[in-house]
Structures are given as structure tokens and as C-alpha cells.
């Protein structure tokens, strides 16, 4: 299962980055934040993602002593997205748990 998390983190990075590259490559695009809320559908998805990210951050900070350090995953979440940060966190959490159990 741990390796599946790693694959999902890589896919979760590649897919959003492909769209971001396309978006930021077109200089005529409006600002990023205004584009997030350009209509009700986009605003709904953006607000859901923002709220889910906050819940993920709270989860990581709540189990800070049990899991990996949250800072790198917060950076991944902000720079790429939750689709990369969440499975990456699970991967490193599983890896840490396995190394603890083998000691």
C-alpha cells in the first residue's frame, strides 16, 4: 500500500502541474485567484479544495508527534496541491511506521 501512495503522490503532482503550466504559460490569462472563482462551479471546487486543505493541515498538526513533520507537506499543498500532498504524507507516514516497527 505504501508504494501505491507514492505513485498517487507522483500522479497527484503531474496532473495539476500540467494544468498550471498551461495556465501560467498563457500571459493573457486573468489572475490566478480571480480565475479560481470565475463562476459558481469553479468557486465551489476551489472552496472545497481550500477547506479540505485546512482540514488536512489541522490533521497533520494534531498528530505531529506521531507522524512526519507537517512543514514539507504544507509546502507541497500550497505549491502543487492536495492531490500530491495527502498521498505523499500517507507514504512518509507508512514508511515511518514501518521503520518504527522493524526496530
Protein backbone atom coordinates (compact mmCIF):
# COMPACT_ATOMS: atom_id res chain seq x y z
CA UNK A 1 0.00 0.00 0.00
CA UNK A 2 2.90 2.33 0.78
CA UNK A 3 4.11 2.21 -2.85
CA UNK A 4 0.60 2.98 -4.10
CA UNK A 5 0.69 6.19 -2.02
CA UNK A 6 3.97 7.13 -3.69
CA UNK A 7 2.50 6.54 -7.17
CA UNK A 8 -0.60 8.56 -6.25
CA UNK A 9 1.59 11.43 -4.99
CA UNK A 10 3.53 11.46 -8.28
CA UNK A 11 0.32 11.40 -10.35
CA UNK A 12 -1.16 13.99 -7.98
CA UNK A 13 1.79 16.25 -8.78
CA UNK A 14 1.95 15.64 -12.53
CA UNK A 15 -1.69 16.26 -13.38
CA UNK A 16 -2.11 19.63 -11.61
CA UNK A 17 1.32 20.82 -12.77
CA UNK A 18 0.33 20.11 -16.39
CA UNK A 19 -2.70 22.37 -15.99
CA UNK A 20 -0.72 25.02 -14.09
CA UNK A 21 1.93 25.02 -16.81
CA UNK A 22 -0.75 25.54 -19.44
CA UNK A 23 -2.43 28.29 -17.37
CA UNK A 24 0.71 30.21 -16.47
CA UNK A 25 2.14 29.78 -19.98
CA UNK A 26 -0.66 31.91 -21.42
CA UNK A 27 0.17 35.50 -20.46
CA UNK A 28 -3.31 36.69 -21.45
CA UNK A 29 -4.94 34.73 -18.60
CA UNK A 30 -6.50 36.71 -15.73
CA UNK A 31 -5.00 36.49 -12.25
CA UNK A 32 -4.83 33.06 -10.65
CA UNK A 33 -7.07 33.86 -7.67
CA UNK A 34 -9.71 35.58 -9.76
CA UNK A 35 -9.69 32.59 -12.14
CA UNK A 36 -10.37 30.24 -9.21
CA UNK A 37 -13.70 31.95 -8.61
CA UNK A 38 -14.63 32.86 -12.19
CA UNK A 39 -18.05 31.17 -11.85
CA UNK A 40 -20.08 29.21 -9.34
CA UNK A 41 -18.74 25.79 -10.38
CA UNK A 42 -15.11 26.86 -10.21
CA UNK A 43 -15.75 28.67 -6.93
CA UNK A 44 -17.38 25.58 -5.44
CA UNK A 45 -14.43 23.38 -6.39
CA UNK A 46 -11.91 25.97 -5.18
CA UNK A 47 -13.64 26.50 -1.83
CA UNK A 48 -13.95 22.72 -1.31
CA UNK A 49 -10.24 22.30 -2.02
CA UNK A 50 -9.29 25.17 0.31
CA UNK A 51 -11.40 23.79 3.15
CA UNK A 52 -10.07 20.27 2.59
CA UNK A 53 -6.53 21.63 2.72
CA UNK A 54 -7.19 23.35 6.05
CA UNK A 55 -8.62 20.11 7.46
CA UNK A 56 -5.53 18.25 6.23
CA UNK A 57 -3.23 20.79 7.90
CA UNK A 58 -5.15 20.52 11.18
CA UNK A 59 -4.93 16.72 10.98
CA UNK A 60 -1.18 16.84 10.44
CA UNK A 61 -0.60 19.29 13.30
CA UNK A 62 -2.80 17.22 15.64
CA UNK A 63 -0.67 14.13 15.09
CA UNK A 64 2.63 15.96 14.77
CA UNK A 65 4.29 13.79 17.45
CA UNK A 66 3.08 10.59 15.76
CA UNK A 67 3.57 11.43 12.10
CA UNK A 68 6.05 13.13 9.81
CA UNK A 69 6.82 16.83 10.20
CA UNK A 70 3.98 18.77 8.53
CA UNK A 71 6.03 21.62 7.03
CA UNK A 72 7.06 19.89 3.81
CA UNK A 73 3.53 18.70 3.18
CA UNK A 74 2.10 22.17 3.75
CA UNK A 75 4.58 23.44 1.14
CA UNK A 76 3.57 20.67 -1.28
CA UNK A 77 -0.08 21.53 -0.67
CA UNK A 78 0.48 25.22 -1.39
CA UNK A 79 2.81 24.77 -4.38
CA UNK A 80 1.21 21.77 -6.13
CA UNK A 81 -1.99 20.76 -4.38
CA UNK A 82 -3.74 18.41 -2.01
CA UNK A 83 -3.72 15.61 -4.61
CA UNK A 84 0.06 15.43 -4.17
CA UNK A 85 0.46 16.41 -0.51
CA UNK A 86 -2.03 13.96 1.00
CA UNK A 87 -0.72 10.74 -0.59
CA UNK A 88 2.86 11.93 0.00
CA UNK A 89 2.03 12.37 3.68
CA UNK A 90 0.50 8.87 3.80
CA UNK A 91 3.59 7.44 2.09
CA UNK A 92 6.01 9.00 4.58
CA UNK A 93 3.72 8.13 7.49
CA UNK A 94 3.65 4.45 6.43
CA UNK A 95 7.41 4.48 5.87
CA UNK A 96 7.97 5.92 9.33
CA UNK A 97 5.60 3.40 10.91
CA UNK A 98 7.36 0.51 9.17
CA UNK A 99 10.78 1.68 10.32
CA UNK A 100 9.50 2.01 13.91
CA UNK A 101 8.01 -1.49 13.87
CA UNK A 102 11.19 -3.05 12.50
CA UNK A 103 13.33 -1.66 15.33
